N, C-alpha and C. Protein backbone atom coordinates (compact mmCIF):
# COMPACT_ATOMS: atom_id res chain seq x y z
N MET A 1 0.21 71.42 67.19
CA MET A 1 0.31 72.74 67.77
C MET A 1 1.68 73.33 67.42
N VAL A 2 1.70 74.58 66.98
CA VAL A 2 2.92 75.26 66.56
C VAL A 2 3.45 76.07 67.73
N PRO A 3 4.75 75.94 68.04
CA PRO A 3 5.33 76.73 69.12
C PRO A 3 5.28 78.23 68.81
N THR A 4 5.18 79.05 69.83
CA THR A 4 5.06 80.50 69.63
C THR A 4 6.33 81.10 69.04
N GLY A 5 7.47 80.51 69.30
CA GLY A 5 8.73 81.00 68.71
C GLY A 5 8.71 80.86 67.20
N ALA A 6 8.16 79.76 66.70
CA ALA A 6 8.07 79.55 65.26
C ALA A 6 7.11 80.56 64.63
N LEU A 7 6.04 80.89 65.34
CA LEU A 7 5.09 81.88 64.82
C LEU A 7 5.73 83.26 64.72
N ARG A 8 6.56 83.61 65.71
CA ARG A 8 7.25 84.90 65.66
C ARG A 8 8.21 84.96 64.49
N LEU A 9 8.93 83.87 64.22
CA LEU A 9 9.84 83.84 63.08
C LEU A 9 9.07 83.94 61.77
N TRP A 10 7.91 83.32 61.70
CA TRP A 10 7.09 83.33 60.49
C TRP A 10 6.61 84.75 60.18
N ASP A 11 6.28 85.53 61.19
CA ASP A 11 5.77 86.88 61.01
C ASP A 11 6.88 87.93 60.89
N ASP A 12 8.12 87.55 61.17
CA ASP A 12 9.24 88.50 61.11
C ASP A 12 9.57 88.83 59.65
N GLU A 13 9.51 90.12 59.28
CA GLU A 13 9.77 90.55 57.91
C GLU A 13 10.96 91.50 57.83
N SER A 14 11.88 91.40 58.77
CA SER A 14 12.98 92.37 58.84
C SER A 14 13.94 92.25 57.67
N GLY A 15 14.14 91.09 57.10
CA GLY A 15 15.08 90.92 55.98
C GLY A 15 14.42 90.89 54.63
N GLN A 16 13.14 91.14 54.57
CA GLN A 16 12.39 91.02 53.32
C GLN A 16 12.89 92.01 52.27
N GLY A 17 13.12 93.24 52.63
CA GLY A 17 13.57 94.25 51.67
C GLY A 17 14.91 93.91 51.07
N MET A 18 15.82 93.41 51.89
CA MET A 18 17.15 93.06 51.42
C MET A 18 17.07 91.91 50.41
N VAL A 19 16.22 90.94 50.68
CA VAL A 19 16.06 89.81 49.76
C VAL A 19 15.47 90.28 48.44
N GLU A 20 14.51 91.19 48.50
CA GLU A 20 13.90 91.71 47.27
C GLU A 20 14.93 92.45 46.43
N TYR A 21 15.77 93.27 47.04
CA TYR A 21 16.81 93.97 46.30
C TYR A 21 17.81 92.98 45.69
N ALA A 22 18.16 91.95 46.43
CA ALA A 22 19.09 90.94 45.91
C ALA A 22 18.48 90.23 44.70
N LEU A 23 17.21 89.90 44.75
CA LEU A 23 16.55 89.25 43.61
C LEU A 23 16.51 90.17 42.39
N ILE A 24 16.25 91.44 42.61
CA ILE A 24 16.24 92.39 41.50
C ILE A 24 17.62 92.47 40.85
N ILE A 25 18.67 92.52 41.66
CA ILE A 25 20.03 92.59 41.14
C ILE A 25 20.37 91.33 40.35
N VAL A 26 19.94 90.17 40.85
CA VAL A 26 20.20 88.91 40.14
C VAL A 26 19.49 88.90 38.80
N PHE A 27 18.24 89.33 38.75
CA PHE A 27 17.50 89.34 37.49
C PHE A 27 18.11 90.33 36.49
N ILE A 28 18.56 91.48 36.95
CA ILE A 28 19.21 92.45 36.06
C ILE A 28 20.52 91.87 35.52
N ALA A 29 21.29 91.22 36.38
CA ALA A 29 22.55 90.62 35.94
C ALA A 29 22.29 89.53 34.91
N LEU A 30 21.28 88.71 35.12
CA LEU A 30 20.95 87.67 34.15
C LEU A 30 20.50 88.26 32.82
N ALA A 31 19.73 89.33 32.86
CA ALA A 31 19.30 89.98 31.63
C ALA A 31 20.49 90.56 30.88
N CYS A 32 21.42 91.19 31.58
CA CYS A 32 22.62 91.73 30.94
C CYS A 32 23.48 90.63 30.34
N PHE A 33 23.67 89.57 31.08
CA PHE A 33 24.47 88.45 30.60
C PHE A 33 23.84 87.84 29.36
N THR A 34 22.53 87.64 29.38
CA THR A 34 21.83 87.05 28.24
C THR A 34 21.91 87.97 27.03
N GLY A 35 21.71 89.26 27.25
CA GLY A 35 21.80 90.21 26.15
C GLY A 35 23.18 90.25 25.52
N LEU A 36 24.21 90.26 26.35
CA LEU A 36 25.57 90.27 25.81
C LEU A 36 25.90 88.96 25.11
N LYS A 37 25.38 87.87 25.62
CA LYS A 37 25.63 86.57 25.00
C LYS A 37 24.98 86.49 23.63
N LEU A 38 23.76 87.02 23.51
CA LEU A 38 23.06 86.98 22.24
C LEU A 38 23.65 87.95 21.22
N MET A 39 24.13 89.09 21.69
CA MET A 39 24.64 90.12 20.79
C MET A 39 26.16 90.17 20.75
N GLY A 40 26.82 89.20 21.32
CA GLY A 40 28.27 89.24 21.47
C GLY A 40 29.04 89.42 20.18
N GLN A 41 28.76 88.59 19.17
CA GLN A 41 29.50 88.65 17.91
C GLN A 41 29.27 89.97 17.19
N SER A 42 28.02 90.38 17.06
CA SER A 42 27.74 91.62 16.34
C SER A 42 28.30 92.82 17.09
N LEU A 43 28.26 92.80 18.40
CA LEU A 43 28.82 93.89 19.19
C LEU A 43 30.33 93.95 19.03
N SER A 44 30.97 92.79 18.99
CA SER A 44 32.42 92.73 18.81
C SER A 44 32.81 93.28 17.44
N GLN A 45 32.07 92.90 16.42
CA GLN A 45 32.37 93.41 15.07
C GLN A 45 32.15 94.92 14.99
N PHE A 46 31.11 95.41 15.64
CA PHE A 46 30.84 96.84 15.64
C PHE A 46 31.98 97.62 16.29
N ILE A 47 32.49 97.12 17.40
CA ILE A 47 33.59 97.79 18.11
C ILE A 47 34.87 97.75 17.27
N LYS A 48 35.15 96.61 16.62
CA LYS A 48 36.33 96.52 15.76
C LYS A 48 36.22 97.48 14.59
N GLN A 49 35.06 97.57 13.99
CA GLN A 49 34.85 98.48 12.86
C GLN A 49 35.00 99.93 13.31
N ALA A 50 34.46 100.26 14.45
CA ALA A 50 34.58 101.63 14.96
C ALA A 50 36.04 101.96 15.26
N ALA A 51 36.79 101.01 15.78
CA ALA A 51 38.21 101.25 16.09
C ALA A 51 39.01 101.46 14.80
N GLN A 52 38.66 100.72 13.75
CA GLN A 52 39.36 100.88 12.46
C GLN A 52 39.05 102.25 11.85
N GLU A 53 37.88 102.77 12.08
CA GLU A 53 37.51 104.08 11.54
C GLU A 53 38.39 105.18 12.15
N PHE A 54 38.82 105.00 13.38
CA PHE A 54 39.61 106.00 14.06
C PHE A 54 41.10 105.90 13.74
N GLU A 55 41.53 104.83 13.09
CA GLU A 55 42.95 104.66 12.77
C GLU A 55 43.36 105.48 11.60
């Protein structure tokens, strides 16, 4: 038999939205980190080349 207090906690969804937003932010951060990691060298060379063009 499950206590009624545990059932109330199980049905409580007050923090659900906050957790969903946090997960979205984590996934976006991971995608950005992965993209920068994969494109790091070519992006660095592009920025150096663009800076030399302005000199």
